[in-house]
Amino acid sequence: MKVLQHGRMWEGSDILAVDKLIALKQKHQGNYWPVIEACVDIWAAKKPQQYKSFLFELQDMKETRRNKFASSKSEMFRYTLDIPEMVVYMLRKLYTIEEMPMDKQFFRSWAKKFPKMRIAEKI
């Protein structure tokens, strides 16, 4: 079912997903992890082929890293984790930078909560 909203046609499932995310944000004020989990789930359900490809690419990266820290050859860089672009986009539409700062602690927590998206064995 298509829905006309703000001059644009949307899938009904997209509207329901947005409503769910907004309700979760209001219910869990100050704790954005339930909303993040829902964003990942929605993306995985909406784009199952992209999700499978994403996980396959991550597994390939894990296998080609030099060590358990996923260091580059020069050891100047570490590939800690990867977050799907669409999920980041969804989160930034829901939260401002002040509400959800994506700092070092955020990424460490993400790596612990979503081990499938982690590249490095050691964080």
PDB file of N, CA and C in Angstrom:
ATOM      1  N   MET A   1       0.840  -1.175   0.000  1.00  0.00           N
ATOM      2  CA  MET A   1       0.000   0.000   0.000  1.00  0.00           C
ATOM      3  C   MET A   1       0.889   1.243   0.000  1.00  0.00           C
ATOM      4  N   LYS A   2       0.578   2.176  -0.856  1.00  0.00           N
ATOM      5  CA  LYS A   2       1.310   3.435  -0.933  1.00  0.00           C
ATOM      6  C   LYS A   2       0.529   4.525  -0.216  1.00  0.00           C
ATOM      7  N   VAL A   3       1.280   5.444   0.391  1.00  0.00           N
ATOM      8  CA  VAL A   3       0.674   6.544   1.143  1.00  0.00           C
ATOM      9  C   VAL A   3       1.301   7.844   0.658  1.00  0.00           C
ATOM     10  N   LEU A   4       0.465   8.837   0.399  1.00  0.00           N
ATOM     11  CA  LEU A   4       0.953  10.156   0.016  1.00  0.00           C
ATOM     12  C   LEU A   4       1.127  10.982   1.280  1.00  0.00           C
ATOM     13  N   GLN A   5       2.355  11.399   1.539  1.00  0.00           N
ATOM     14  CA  GLN A   5       2.619  12.211   2.720  1.00  0.00           C
ATOM     15  C   GLN A   5       3.704  13.216   2.379  1.00  0.00           C
ATOM     16  N   HIS A   6       3.473  14.471   2.706  1.00  0.00           N
ATOM     17  CA  HIS A   6       4.412  15.565   2.428  1.00  0.00           C
ATOM     18  C   HIS A   6       4.772  15.618   0.945  1.00  0.00           C
ATOM     19  N   GLY A   7       3.778  15.357   0.095  1.00  0.00           N
ATOM     20  CA  GLY A   7       3.982  15.460  -1.346  1.00  0.00           C
ATOM     21  C   GLY A   7       4.782  14.329  -1.950  1.00  0.00           C
ATOM     22  N   ARG A   8       4.970  13.250  -1.226  1.00  0.00           N
ATOM     23  CA  ARG A   8       5.769  12.134  -1.721  1.00  0.00           C
ATOM     24  C   ARG A   8       5.045  10.816  -1.421  1.00  0.00           C
ATOM     25  N   MET A   9       5.182   9.865  -2.331  1.00  0.00           N
ATOM     26  CA  MET A   9       4.580   8.551  -2.121  1.00  0.00           C
ATOM     27  C   MET A   9       5.524   7.689  -1.295  1.00  0.00           C
ATOM     28  N   TRP A  10       4.981   7.083  -0.247  1.00  0.00           N
ATOM     29  CA  TRP A  10       5.757   6.227   0.651  1.00  0.00           C
ATOM     30  C   TRP A  10       5.093   4.859   0.742  1.00  0.00           C
ATOM     31  N   GLU A  11       5.884   3.840   0.983  1.00  0.00           N
ATOM     32  CA  GLU A  11       5.340   2.520   1.282  1.00  0.00           C
ATOM     33  C   GLU A  11       4.688   2.588   2.667  1.00  0.00           C
ATOM     34  N   GLY A  12       3.578   1.903   2.839  1.00  0.00           N
ATOM     35  CA  GLY A  12       2.911   1.879   4.134  1.00  0.00           C
ATOM     36  C   GLY A  12       3.809   1.323   5.224  1.00  0.00           C
ATOM     37  N   SER A  13       4.652   0.325   4.863  1.00  0.00           N
ATOM     38  CA  SER A  13       5.567  -0.265   5.847  1.00  0.00           C
ATOM     39  C   SER A  13       6.612   0.739   6.324  1.00  0.00           C
ATOM     40  N   ASP A  14       6.993   1.674   5.436  1.00  0.00           N
ATOM     41  CA  ASP A  14       7.955   2.713   5.838  1.00  0.00           C
ATOM     42  C   ASP A  14       7.336   3.654   6.865  1.00  0.00           C
ATOM     43  N   ILE A  15       6.087   4.021   6.644  1.00  0.00           N
ATOM     44  CA  ILE A  15       5.388   4.906   7.580  1.00  0.00           C
ATOM     45  C   ILE A  15       5.250   4.221   8.940  1.00  0.00           C
ATOM     46  N   LEU A  16       4.888   2.937   8.928  1.00  0.00           N
ATOM     47  CA  LEU A  16       4.763   2.186  10.181  1.00  0.00           C
ATOM     48  C   LEU A  16       6.105   2.085  10.901  1.00  0.00           C
ATOM     49  N   ALA A  17       7.186   1.891  10.143  1.00  0.00           N
ATOM     50  CA  ALA A  17       8.517   1.801  10.744  1.00  0.00           C
ATOM     51  C   ALA A  17       8.904   3.117  11.408  1.00  0.00           C
ATOM     52  N   VAL A  18       8.636   4.227  10.739  1.00  0.00           N
ATOM     53  CA  VAL A  18       8.948   5.542  11.307  1.00  0.00           C
ATOM     54  C   VAL A  18       8.138   5.769  12.576  1.00  0.00           C
ATOM     55  N   ASP A  19       6.859   5.437  12.531  1.00  0.00           N
ATOM     56  CA  ASP A  19       6.012   5.589  13.726  1.00  0.00           C
ATOM     57  C   ASP A  19       6.557   4.753  14.884  1.00  0.00           C
ATOM     58  N   LYS A  20       6.999   3.537  14.588  1.00  0.00           N
ATOM     59  CA  LYS A  20       7.557   2.661  15.621  1.00  0.00           C
ATOM     60  C   LYS A  20       8.817   3.276  16.224  1.00  0.00           C
ATOM     61  N   LEU A  21       9.692   3.810  15.378  1.00  0.00           N
ATOM     62  CA  LEU A  21      10.941   4.403  15.867  1.00  0.00           C
ATOM     63  C   LEU A  21      10.678   5.637  16.734  1.00  0.00           C
ATOM     64  N   ILE A  22       9.743   6.456  16.304  1.00  0.00           N
ATOM     65  CA  ILE A  22       9.408   7.659  17.083  1.00  0.00           C
ATOM     66  C   ILE A  22       8.825   7.259  18.440  1.00  0.00           C
ATOM     67  N   ALA A  23       7.958   6.254  18.444  1.00  0.00           N
ATOM     68  CA  ALA A  23       7.364   5.783  19.712  1.00  0.00           C
ATOM     69  C   ALA A  23       8.439   5.204  20.632  1.00  0.00           C
ATOM     70  N   LEU A  24       9.382   4.454  20.058  1.00  0.00           N
ATOM     71  CA  LEU A  24      10.484   3.904  20.864  1.00  0.00           C
ATOM     72  C   LEU A  24      11.348   5.011  21.455  1.00  0.00           C
ATOM     73  N   LYS A  25      11.617   6.030  20.643  1.00  0.00           N
ATOM     74  CA  LYS A  25      12.433   7.154  21.131  1.00  0.00           C
ATOM     75  C   LYS A  25      11.737   7.844  22.304  1.00  0.00           C
ATOM     76  N   GLN A  26      10.443   8.046  22.189  1.00  0.00           N
ATOM     77  CA  GLN A  26       9.697   8.698  23.266  1.00  0.00           C
ATOM     78  C   GLN A  26       9.618   7.814  24.502  1.00  0.00           C
ATOM     79  N   LYS A  27       9.481   6.517  24.318  1.00  0.00           N
ATOM     80  CA  LYS A  27       9.373   5.584  25.439  1.00  0.00           C
ATOM     81  C   LYS A  27      10.692   5.439  26.192  1.00  0.00           C
ATOM     82  N   HIS A  28      11.792   5.434  25.457  1.00  0.00           N
ATOM     83  CA  HIS A  28      13.110   5.194  26.058  1.00  0.00           C
ATOM     84  C   HIS A  28      13.967   6.466  26.030  1.00  0.00           C
ATOM     85  N   GLN A  29      13.428   7.551  26.497  1.00  0.00           N
ATOM     86  CA  GLN A  29      14.192   8.804  26.486  1.00  0.00           C
ATOM     87  C   GLN A  29      15.461   8.646  27.303  1.00  0.00           C
ATOM     88  N   GLY A  30      16.564   9.067  26.722  1.00  0.00           N
ATOM     89  CA  GLY A  30      17.853   8.963  27.391  1.00  0.00           C
ATOM     90  C   GLY A  30      18.566   7.649  27.112  1.00  0.00           C
ATOM     91  N   ASN A  31      17.866   6.668  26.584  1.00  0.00           N
ATOM     92  CA  ASN A  31      18.476   5.387  26.235  1.00  0.00           C
ATOM     93  C   ASN A  31      18.170   5.109  24.768  1.00  0.00           C
ATOM     94  N   TYR A  32      19.131   5.374  23.904  1.00  0.00           N
ATOM     95  CA  TYR A  32      18.885   5.218  22.472  1.00  0.00           C
ATOM     96  C   TYR A  32      19.163   3.811  21.945  1.00  0.00           C
ATOM     97  N   TRP A  33      19.643   2.888  22.762  1.00  0.00           N
ATOM     98  CA  TRP A  33      19.966   1.542  22.271  1.00  0.00           C
ATOM     99  C   TRP A  33      18.764   0.756  21.775  1.00  0.00           C
ATOM    100  N   PRO A  34      17.606   0.819  22.420  1.00  0.00           N
ATOM    101  CA  PRO A  34      16.448   0.121  21.838  1.00  0.00           C
ATOM    102  C   PRO A  34      16.081   0.656  20.448  1.00  0.00           C
ATOM    103  N   VAL A  35      16.239   1.959  20.256  1.00  0.00           N
ATOM    104  CA  VAL A  35      15.950   2.564  18.952  1.00  0.00           C
ATOM    105  C   VAL A  35      16.990   2.106  17.927  1.00  0.00           C
ATOM    106  N   ILE A  36      18.246   2.041  18.333  1.00  0.00           N
ATOM    107  CA  ILE A  36      19.297   1.582  17.421  1.00  0.00           C
ATOM    108  C   ILE A  36      19.031   0.139  17.000  1.00  0.00           C
ATOM    109  N   GLU A  37      18.691  -0.706  17.957  1.00  0.00           N
ATOM    110  CA  GLU A  37      18.380  -2.103  17.634  1.00  0.00           C
ATOM    111  C   GLU A  37      17.213  -2.186  16.655  1.00  0.00           C
ATOM    112  N   ALA A  38      16.202  -1.358  16.864  1.00  0.00           N
ATOM    113  CA  ALA A  38      15.053  -1.346  15.953  1.00  0.00           C
ATOM    114  C   ALA A  38      15.466  -0.865  14.557  1.00  0.00           C
ATOM    115  N   CYS A  39      16.331   0.132  14.476  1.00  0.00           N
ATOM    116  CA  CYS A  39      16.814   0.615  13.178  1.00  0.00           C
ATOM    117  C   CYS A  39      17.541  -0.496  12.426  1.00  0.00           C
ATOM    118  N   VAL A  40      18.404  -1.211  13.123  1.00  0.00           N
ATOM    119  CA  VAL A  40      19.131  -2.319  12.492  1.00  0.00           C
ATOM    120  C   VAL A  40      18.145  -3.393  12.032  1.00  0.00           C
ATOM    121  N   ASP A  41      17.183  -3.724  12.871  1.00  0.00           N
ATOM    122  CA  ASP A  41      16.188  -4.740  12.514  1.00  0.00           C
ATOM    123  C   ASP A  41      15.347  -4.307  11.315  1.00  0.00           C
ATOM    124  N   ILE A  42      14.931  -3.062  11.303  1.00  0.00           N
ATOM    125  CA  ILE A  42      14.127  -2.549  10.191  1.00  0.00           C
ATOM    126  C   ILE A  42      14.928  -2.587   8.902  1.00  0.00           C
ATOM    127  N   TRP A  43      16.188  -2.137   8.949  1.00  0.00           N
ATOM    128  CA  TRP A  43      17.037  -2.164   7.759  1.00  0.00           C
ATOM    129  C   TRP A  43      17.239  -3.589   7.267  1.00  0.00           C
ATOM    130  N   ALA A  44      17.509  -4.510   8.186  1.00  0.00           N
ATOM    131  CA  ALA A  44      17.735  -5.909   7.811  1.00  0.00           C
ATOM    132  C   ALA A  44      16.479  -6.526   7.197  1.00  0.00           C
ATOM    133  N   ALA A  45      15.307  -6.171   7.721  1.00  0.00           N
ATOM    134  CA  ALA A  45      14.054  -6.713   7.190  1.00  0.00           C
ATOM    135  C   ALA A  45      13.687  -6.092   5.847  1.00  0.00           C
ATOM    136  N   LYS A  46      13.954  -4.793   5.708  1.00  0.00           N
ATOM    137  CA  LYS A  46      13.601  -4.078   4.476  1.00  0.00           C
ATOM    138  C   LYS A  46      14.557  -4.412   3.334  1.00  0.00           C
ATOM    139  N   LYS A  47      15.813  -4.622   3.655  1.00  0.00           N
ATOM    140  CA  LYS A  47      16.846  -4.890   2.646  1.00  0.00           C
ATOM    141  C   LYS A  47      17.621  -6.160   3.007  1.00  0.00           C
ATOM    142  N   PRO A  48      16.988  -7.324   2.996  1.00  0.00           N
ATOM    143  CA  PRO A  48      17.658  -8.548   3.441  1.00  0.00           C
ATOM    144  C   PRO A  48      18.899  -8.904   2.615  1.00  0.00           C
ATOM    145  N   GLN A  49      18.856  -8.619   1.320  1.00  0.00           N
ATOM    146  CA  GLN A  49      20.026  -8.929   0.484  1.00  0.00           C
ATOM    147  C   GLN A  49      21.203  -8.028   0.846  1.00  0.00           C
ATOM    148  N   GLN A  50      20.938  -6.742   1.065  1.00  0.00           N
ATOM    149  CA  GLN A  50      22.003  -5.820   1.483  1.00  0.00           C
ATOM    150  C   GLN A  50      22.564  -6.232   2.833  1.00  0.00           C
ATOM    151  N   TYR A  51      21.695  -6.649   3.739  1.00  0.00           N
ATOM    152  CA  TYR A  51      22.125  -7.071   5.069  1.00  0.00           C
ATOM    153  C   TYR A  51      23.049  -8.286   4.967  1.00  0.00           C
ATOM    154  N   LYS A  52      22.648  -9.281   4.184  1.00  0.00           N
ATOM    155  CA  LYS A  52      23.490 -10.469   4.010  1.00  0.00           C
ATOM    156  C   LYS A  52      24.828 -10.104   3.369  1.00  0.00           C
ATOM    157  N   SER A  53      24.794  -9.245   2.362  1.00  0.00           N
ATOM    158  CA  SER A  53      26.036  -8.800   1.708  1.00  0.00           C
ATOM    159  C   SER A  53      26.934  -8.049   2.683  1.00  0.00           C
ATOM    160  N   PHE A  54      26.320  -7.216   3.497  1.00  0.00           N
ATOM    161  CA  PHE A  54      27.065  -6.449   4.498  1.00  0.00           C
ATOM    162  C   PHE A  54      27.800  -7.395   5.454  1.00  0.00           C
ATOM    163  N   LEU A  55      27.076  -8.399   5.967  1.00  0.00           N
ATOM    164  CA  LEU A  55      27.701  -9.362   6.884  1.00  0.00           C
ATOM    165  C   LEU A  55      28.784 -10.175   6.193  1.00  0.00           C
ATOM    166  N   PHE A  56      28.563 -10.514   4.933  1.00  0.00           N
ATOM    167  CA  PHE A  56      29.563 -11.259   4.167  1.00  0.00           C
ATOM    168  C   PHE A  56      30.838 -10.426   3.993  1.00  0.00           C
ATOM    169  N   GLU A  57      30.667  -9.146   3.661  1.00  0.00           N
ATOM    170  CA  GLU A  57      31.827  -8.254   3.504  1.00  0.00           C
ATOM    171  C   GLU A  57      32.583  -8.101   4.825  1.00  0.00           C
ATOM    172  N   LEU A  58      31.854  -7.989   5.930  1.00  0.00           N
ATOM    173  CA  LEU A  58      32.505  -7.874   7.234  1.00  0.00           C
ATOM    174  C   LEU A  58      33.324  -9.123   7.545  1.00  0.00           C
ATOM    175  N   GLN A  59      32.756 -10.278   7.251  1.00  0.00           N
ATOM    176  CA  GLN A  59      33.489 -11.527   7.487  1.00  0.00           C
ATOM    177  C   GLN A  59      34.757 -11.576   6.642  1.00  0.00           C
ATOM    178  N   ASP A  60      34.654 -11.128   5.403  1.00  0.00           N
ATOM    179  CA  ASP A  60      35.822 -11.083   4.525  1.00  0.00           C
ATOM    180  C   ASP A  60      36.888 -10.138   5.081  1.00  0.00           C
ATOM    181  N   MET A  61      36.470  -8.993   5.601  1.00  0.00           N
ATOM    182  CA  MET A  61      37.420  -8.038   6.187  1.00  0.00           C
ATOM    183  C   MET A  61      38.098  -8.644   7.405  1.00  0.00           C
ATOM    184  N   LYS A  62      37.322  -9.340   8.232  1.00  0.00           N
ATOM    185  CA  LYS A  62      37.903  -9.967   9.424  1.00  0.00           C
ATOM    186  C   LYS A  62      39.004 -10.948   9.043  1.00  0.00           C
ATOM    187  N   GLU A  63      38.752 -11.696   8.001  1.00  0.00           N
ATOM    188  CA  GLU A  63      39.711 -12.717   7.580  1.00  0.00           C
ATOM    189  C   GLU A  63      40.971 -12.134   6.951  1.00  0.00           C
ATOM    190  N   THR A  64      40.890 -10.920   6.424  1.00  0.00           N
ATOM    191  CA  THR A  64      42.047 -10.334   5.739  1.00  0.00           C
ATOM    192  C   THR A  64      42.823  -9.334   6.598  1.00  0.00           C
ATOM    193  N   ARG A  65      42.434  -9.130   7.823  1.00  0.00           N
ATOM    194  CA  ARG A  65      43.172  -8.207   8.700  1.00  0.00           C
ATOM    195  C   ARG A  65      44.444  -8.884   9.208  1.00  0.00           C
ATOM    196  N   ARG A  66      45.435  -8.085   9.529  1.00  0.00           N
ATOM    197  CA  ARG A  66      46.737  -8.584   9.952  1.00  0.00           C
ATOM    198  C   ARG A  66      46.713  -9.294  11.303  1.00  0.00           C
ATOM    199  N   ASN A  67      45.922  -8.772  12.233  1.00  0.00           N
ATOM    200  CA  ASN A  67      45.930  -9.303  13.598  1.00  0.00           C
ATOM    201  C   ASN A  67      44.554  -9.138  14.238  1.00  0.00           C
ATOM    202  N   LYS A  68      44.461  -9.526  15.509  1.00  0.00           N
ATOM    203  CA  LYS A  68      43.164  -9.468  16.197  1.00  0.00           C
ATOM    204  C   LYS A  68      42.675  -8.044  16.456  1.00  0.00           C
ATOM    205  N   PHE A  69      43.573  -7.061  16.266  1.00  0.00           N
ATOM    206  CA  PHE A  69      43.188  -5.657  16.438  1.00  0.00           C
ATOM    207  C   PHE A  69      42.748  -5.023  15.120  1.00  0.00           C
ATOM    208  N   ALA A  70      42.776  -5.803  14.029  1.00  0.00           N
ATOM    209  CA  ALA A  70      42.394  -5.343  12.681  1.00  0.00           C
ATOM    210  C   ALA A  70      43.224  -4.134  12.257  1.00  0.00           C
ATOM    211  N   SER A  71      44.525  -4.200  12.500  1.00  0.00           N
ATOM    212  CA  SER A  71      45.421  -3.102  12.156  1.00  0.00           C
ATOM    213  C   SER A  71      45.748  -3.092  10.676  1.00  0.00           C
ATOM    214  N   SER A  72      46.085  -1.906  10.198  1.00  0.00           N
ATOM    215  CA  SER A  72      46.580  -1.781   8.828  1.00  0.00           C
ATOM    216  C   SER A  72      48.041  -2.231   8.802  1.00  0.00           C
ATOM    217  N   LYS A  73      48.620  -2.319   7.606  1.00  0.00           N
ATOM    218  CA  LYS A  73      50.020  -2.746   7.493  1.00  0.00           C
ATOM    219  C   LYS A  73      50.947  -1.848   8.301  1.00  0.00           C
ATOM    220  N   SER A  74      50.703  -0.559   8.242  1.00  0.00           N
ATOM    221  CA  SER A  74      51.550   0.389   8.964  1.00  0.00           C
ATOM    222  C   SER A  74      51.243   0.414  10.461  1.00  0.00           C
ATOM    223  N   GLU A  75      50.158  -0.233  10.846  1.00  0.00           N
ATOM    224  CA  GLU A  75      49.670  -0.259  12.226  1.00  0.00           C
ATOM    225  C   GLU A  75      49.284   1.123  12.749  1.00  0.00           C
ATOM    226  N   MET A  76      49.040   2.046  11.821  1.00  0.00           N
ATOM    227  CA  MET A  76      48.591   3.380  12.207  1.00  0.00           C
ATOM    228  C   MET A  76      47.072   3.430  12.352  1.00  0.00           C
ATOM    229  N   PHE A  77      46.381   2.487  11.692  1.00  0.00           N
ATOM    230  CA  PHE A  77      44.926   2.498  11.686  1.00  0.00           C
ATOM    231  C   PHE A  77      44.386   1.149  12.128  1.00  0.00           C
ATOM    232  N   ARG A  78      43.215   1.216  12.759  1.00  0.00           N
ATOM    233  CA  ARG A  78      42.495   0.000  13.131  1.00  0.00           C
ATOM    234  C   ARG A  78      41.093   0.070  12.554  1.00  0.00           C
ATOM    235  N   TYR A  79      40.635  -1.031  12.044  1.00  0.00           N
ATOM    236  CA  TYR A  79      39.284  -1.125  11.519  1.00  0.00           C
ATOM    237  C   TYR A  79      38.452  -1.813  12.586  1.00  0.00           C
ATOM    238  N   THR A  80      37.866  -1.040  13.469  1.00  0.00           N
ATOM    239  CA  THR A  80      37.180  -1.570  14.638  1.00  0.00           C
ATOM    240  C   THR A  80      35.834  -2.181  14.290  1.00  0.00           C
ATOM    241  N   LEU A  81      34.991  -1.422  13.594  1.00  0.00           N
ATOM    242  CA  LEU A  81      33.661  -1.908  13.252  1.00  0.00           C
ATOM    243  C   LEU A  81      33.140  -1.167  12.041  1.00  0.00           C
ATOM    244  N   ASP A  82      32.022  -1.647  11.537  1.00  0.00           N
ATOM    245  CA  ASP A  82      31.380  -1.000  10.404  1.00  0.00           C
ATOM    246  C   ASP A  82      29.896  -0.899  10.705  1.00  0.00           C
ATOM    247  N   ILE A  83      29.327   0.256  10.443  1.00  0.00           N
ATOM    248  CA  ILE A  83      27.906   0.491  10.667  1.00  0.00           C
ATOM    249  C   ILE A  83      27.282   0.804   9.308  1.00  0.00           C
ATOM    250  N   PRO A  84      26.176   0.150   8.968  1.00  0.00           N
ATOM    251  CA  PRO A  84      25.539   0.422   7.678  1.00  0.00           C
ATOM    252  C   PRO A  84      25.149   1.894   7.537  1.00  0.00           C
ATOM    253  N   GLU A  85      25.422   2.430   6.378  1.00  0.00           N
ATOM    254  CA  GLU A  85      25.144   3.841   6.107  1.00  0.00           C
ATOM    255  C   GLU A  85      23.668   4.176   6.332  1.00  0.00           C
ATOM    256  N   MET A  86      22.788   3.295   5.911  1.00  0.00           N
ATOM    257  CA  MET A  86      21.356   3.551   6.056  1.00  0.00           C
ATOM    258  C   MET A  86      20.946   3.633   7.527  1.00  0.00           C
ATOM    259  N   VAL A  87      21.567   2.823   8.365  1.00  0.00           N
ATOM    260  CA  VAL A  87      21.257   2.853   9.795  1.00  0.00           C
ATOM    261  C   VAL A  87      21.713   4.186  10.402  1.00  0.00           C
ATOM    262  N   VAL A  88      22.904   4.630  10.027  1.00  0.00           N
ATOM    263  CA  VAL A  88      23.399   5.927  10.513  1.00  0.00           C
ATOM    264  C   VAL A  88      22.464   7.045  10.055  1.00  0.00           C
ATOM    265  N   TYR A  89      22.040   6.971   8.812  1.00  0.00           N
ATOM    266  CA  TYR A  89      21.111   7.974   8.272  1.00  0.00           C
ATOM    267  C   TYR A  89      19.810   7.989   9.081  1.00  0.00           C
ATOM    268  N   MET A  90      19.266   6.808   9.371  1.00  0.00           N
ATOM    269  CA  MET A  90      18.031   6.720  10.158  1.00  0.00           C
ATOM    270  C   MET A  90      18.228   7.328  11.543  1.00  0.00           C
ATOM    271  N   LEU A  91      19.358   7.011  12.167  1.00  0.00           N
ATOM    272  CA  LEU A  91      19.627   7.523  13.515  1.00  0.00           C
ATOM    273  C   LEU A  91      19.775   9.031  13.530  1.00  0.00           C
ATOM    274  N   ARG A  92      20.425   9.572  12.516  1.00  0.00           N
ATOM    275  CA  ARG A  92      20.620  11.019  12.474  1.00  0.00           C
ATOM    276  C   ARG A  92      19.331  11.765  12.168  1.00  0.00           C
ATOM    277  N   LYS A  93      18.368  11.094  11.588  1.00  0.00           N
ATOM    278  CA  LYS A  93      17.054  11.718  11.398  1.00  0.00           C
ATOM    279  C   LYS A  93      16.270  11.748  12.712  1.00  0.00           C
ATOM    280  N   LEU A  94      16.584  10.815  13.612  1.00  0.00           N
ATOM    281  CA  LEU A  94      15.875  10.734  14.892  1.00  0.00           C
ATOM    282  C   LEU A  94      16.550  11.517  16.010  1.00  0.00           C
ATOM    283  N   TYR A  95      17.889  11.542  15.987  1.00  0.00           N
ATOM    284  CA  TYR A  95      18.651  12.142  17.084  1.00  0.00           C
ATOM    285  C   TYR A  95      19.605  13.208  16.571  1.00  0.00           C
ATOM    286  N   THR A  96      19.708  14.289  17.335  1.00  0.00           N
ATOM    287  CA  THR A  96      20.707  15.312  17.033  1.00  0.00           C
ATOM    288  C   THR A  96      22.072  14.835  17.541  1.00  0.00           C
ATOM    289  N   ILE A  97      23.101  15.553  17.198  1.00  0.00           N
ATOM    290  CA  ILE A  97      24.443  15.230  17.673  1.00  0.00           C
ATOM    291  C   ILE A  97      24.515  15.352  19.186  1.00  0.00           C
ATOM    292  N   GLU A  98      23.786  16.305  19.744  1.00  0.00           N
ATOM    293  CA  GLU A  98      23.772  16.483  21.194  1.00  0.00           C
ATOM    294  C   GLU A  98      23.040  15.337  21.890  1.00  0.00           C
ATOM    295  N   GLU A  99      21.961  14.860  21.292  1.00  0.00           N
ATOM    296  CA  GLU A  99      21.186  13.778  21.897  1.00  0.00           C
ATOM    297  C   GLU A  99      21.922  12.441  21.835  1.00  0.00           C
ATOM    298  N   MET A 100      22.661  12.241  20.748  1.00  0.00           N
ATOM    299  CA  MET A 100      23.373  10.982  20.569  1.00  0.00           C
ATOM    300  C   MET A 100      24.751  11.266  19.949  1.00  0.00           C
ATOM    301  N   PRO A 101      25.711  11.622  20.786  1.00  0.00           N
ATOM    302  CA  PRO A 101      27.045  11.877  20.251  1.00  0.00           C
ATOM    303  C   PRO A 101      27.701  10.560  19.820  1.00  0.00           C
ATOM    304  N   MET A 102      28.186  10.522  18.619  1.00  0.00           N
ATOM    305  CA  MET A 102      28.861   9.326  18.126  1.00  0.00           C
ATOM    306  C   MET A 102      30.357   9.489  18.405  1.00  0.00           C
ATOM    307  N   ASP A 103      30.689   9.311  19.664  1.00  0.00           N
ATOM    308  CA  ASP A 103      32.070   9.456  20.100  1.00  0.00           C
ATOM    309  C   ASP A 103      32.702   8.078  20.313  1.00  0.00           C
ATOM    310  N   LYS A 104      33.907   8.069  20.845  1.00  0.00           N
ATOM    311  CA  LYS A 104      34.635   6.819  21.055  1.00  0.00           C
ATOM    312  C   LYS A 104      33.843   5.835  21.924  1.00  0.00           C
ATOM    313  N   GLN A 105      33.236   6.325  22.980  1.00  0.00           N
ATOM    314  CA  GLN A 105      32.455   5.463  23.874  1.00  0.00           C
ATOM    315  C   GLN A 105      31.245   4.868  23.152  1.00  0.00           C
ATOM    316  N   PHE A 106      30.620   5.663  22.313  1.00  0.00           N
ATOM    317  CA  PHE A 106      29.477   5.183  21.539  1.00  0.00           C
ATOM    318  C   PHE A 106      29.896   3.999  20.660  1.00  0.00           C
ATOM    319  N   PHE A 107      31.005   4.136  19.950  1.00  0.00           N
ATOM    320  CA  PHE A 107      31.453   3.079  19.052  1.00  0.00           C
ATOM    321  C   PHE A 107      31.911   1.833  19.817  1.00  0.00           C
ATOM    322  N   ARG A 108      32.505   2.020  20.973  1.00  0.00           N
ATOM    323  CA  ARG A 108      32.870   0.866  21.813  1.00  0.00           C
ATOM    324  C   ARG A 108      31.615   0.116  22.257  1.00  0.00           C
ATOM    325  N   SER A 109      30.610   0.871  22.676  1.00  0.00           N
ATOM    326  CA  SER A 109      29.346   0.243  23.089  1.00  0.00           C
ATOM    327  C   SER A 109      28.681  -0.458  21.912  1.00  0.00           C
ATOM    328  N   TRP A 110      28.719   0.180  20.752  1.00  0.00           N
ATOM    329  CA  TRP A 110      28.136  -0.425  19.549  1.00  0.00           C
ATOM    330  C   TRP A 110      28.816  -1.772  19.267  1.00  0.00           C
ATOM    331  N   ALA A 111      30.125  -1.802  19.336  1.00  0.00           N
ATOM    332  CA  ALA A 111      30.866  -3.028  19.055  1.00  0.00           C
ATOM    333  C   ALA A 111      30.495  -4.148  20.024  1.00  0.00           C
ATOM    334  N   LYS A 112      30.205  -3.788  21.254  1.00  0.00           N
ATOM    335  CA  LYS A 112      29.804  -4.791  22.244  1.00  0.00           C
ATOM    336  C   LYS A 112      28.370  -5.261  22.025  1.00  0.00           C
ATOM    337  N   LYS A 113      27.486  -4.342  21.651  1.00  0.00           N
ATOM    338  CA  LYS A 113      26.072  -4.682  21.482  1.00  0.00           C
ATOM    339  C   LYS A 113      25.787  -5.374  20.149  1.00  0.00           C
ATOM    340  N   PHE A 114      26.617  -5.117  19.140  1.00  0.00           N
ATOM    341  CA  PHE A 114      26.430  -5.704  17.815  1.00  0.00           C
ATOM    342  C   PHE A 114      27.716  -6.389  17.358  1.00  0.00           C
ATOM    343  N   PRO A 115      28.052  -7.524  17.953  1.00  0.00           N
ATOM    344  CA  PRO A 115      29.321  -8.186  17.613  1.00  0.00           C
ATOM    345  C   PRO A 115      29.425  -8.605  16.147  1.00  0.00           C
ATOM    346  N   LYS A 116      28.300  -8.783  15.474  1.00  0.00           N
ATOM    347  CA  LYS A 116      28.350  -9.125  14.049  1.00  0.00           C
ATOM    348  C   LYS A 116      28.967  -8.007  13.219  1.00  0.00           C
ATOM    349  N   MET A 117      28.890  -6.773  13.700  1.00  0.00           N
ATOM    350  CA  MET A 117      29.390  -5.626  12.944  1.00  0.00           C
ATOM    351  C   MET A 117      30.806  -5.247  13.338  1.00  0.00           C
ATOM    352  N   ARG A 118      31.369  -6.013  14.207  1.00  0.00           N
ATOM    353  CA  ARG A 118      32.731  -5.744  14.684  1.00  0.00           C
ATOM    354  C   ARG A 118      33.737  -6.411  13.749  1.00  0.00           C
ATOM    355  N   ILE A 119      34.806  -5.692  13.437  1.00  0.00           N
ATOM    356  CA  ILE A 119      35.878  -6.224  12.611  1.00  0.00           C
ATOM    357  C   ILE A 119      36.993  -6.758  13.521  1.00  0.00           C
ATOM    358  N   ALA A 120      37.444  -5.922  14.423  1.00  0.00           N
ATOM    359  CA  ALA A 120      38.528  -6.301  15.329  1.00  0.00           C
ATOM    360  C   ALA A 120      38.027  -7.290  16.377  1.00  0.00           C
ATOM    361  N   GLU A 121      38.844  -8.283  16.673  1.00  0.00           N
ATOM    362  CA  GLU A 121      38.493  -9.220  17.740  1.00  0.00           C
ATOM    363  C   GLU A 121      38.614  -8.541  19.101  1.00  0.00           C
ATOM    364  N   LYS A 122      39.633  -7.700  19.230  1.00  0.00           N
ATOM    365  CA  LYS A 122      39.871  -6.960  20.473  1.00  0.00           C
ATOM    366  C   LYS A 122      39.516  -5.503  20.251  1.00  0.00           C
ATOM    367  N   ILE A 123      38.735  -4.973  21.163  1.00  0.00           N
ATOM    368  CA  ILE A 123      38.322  -3.563  21.053  1.00  0.00           C
ATOM    369  C   ILE A 123      39.212  -2.697  21.915  1.00  0.00           C
TER     370      ILE A 123
END
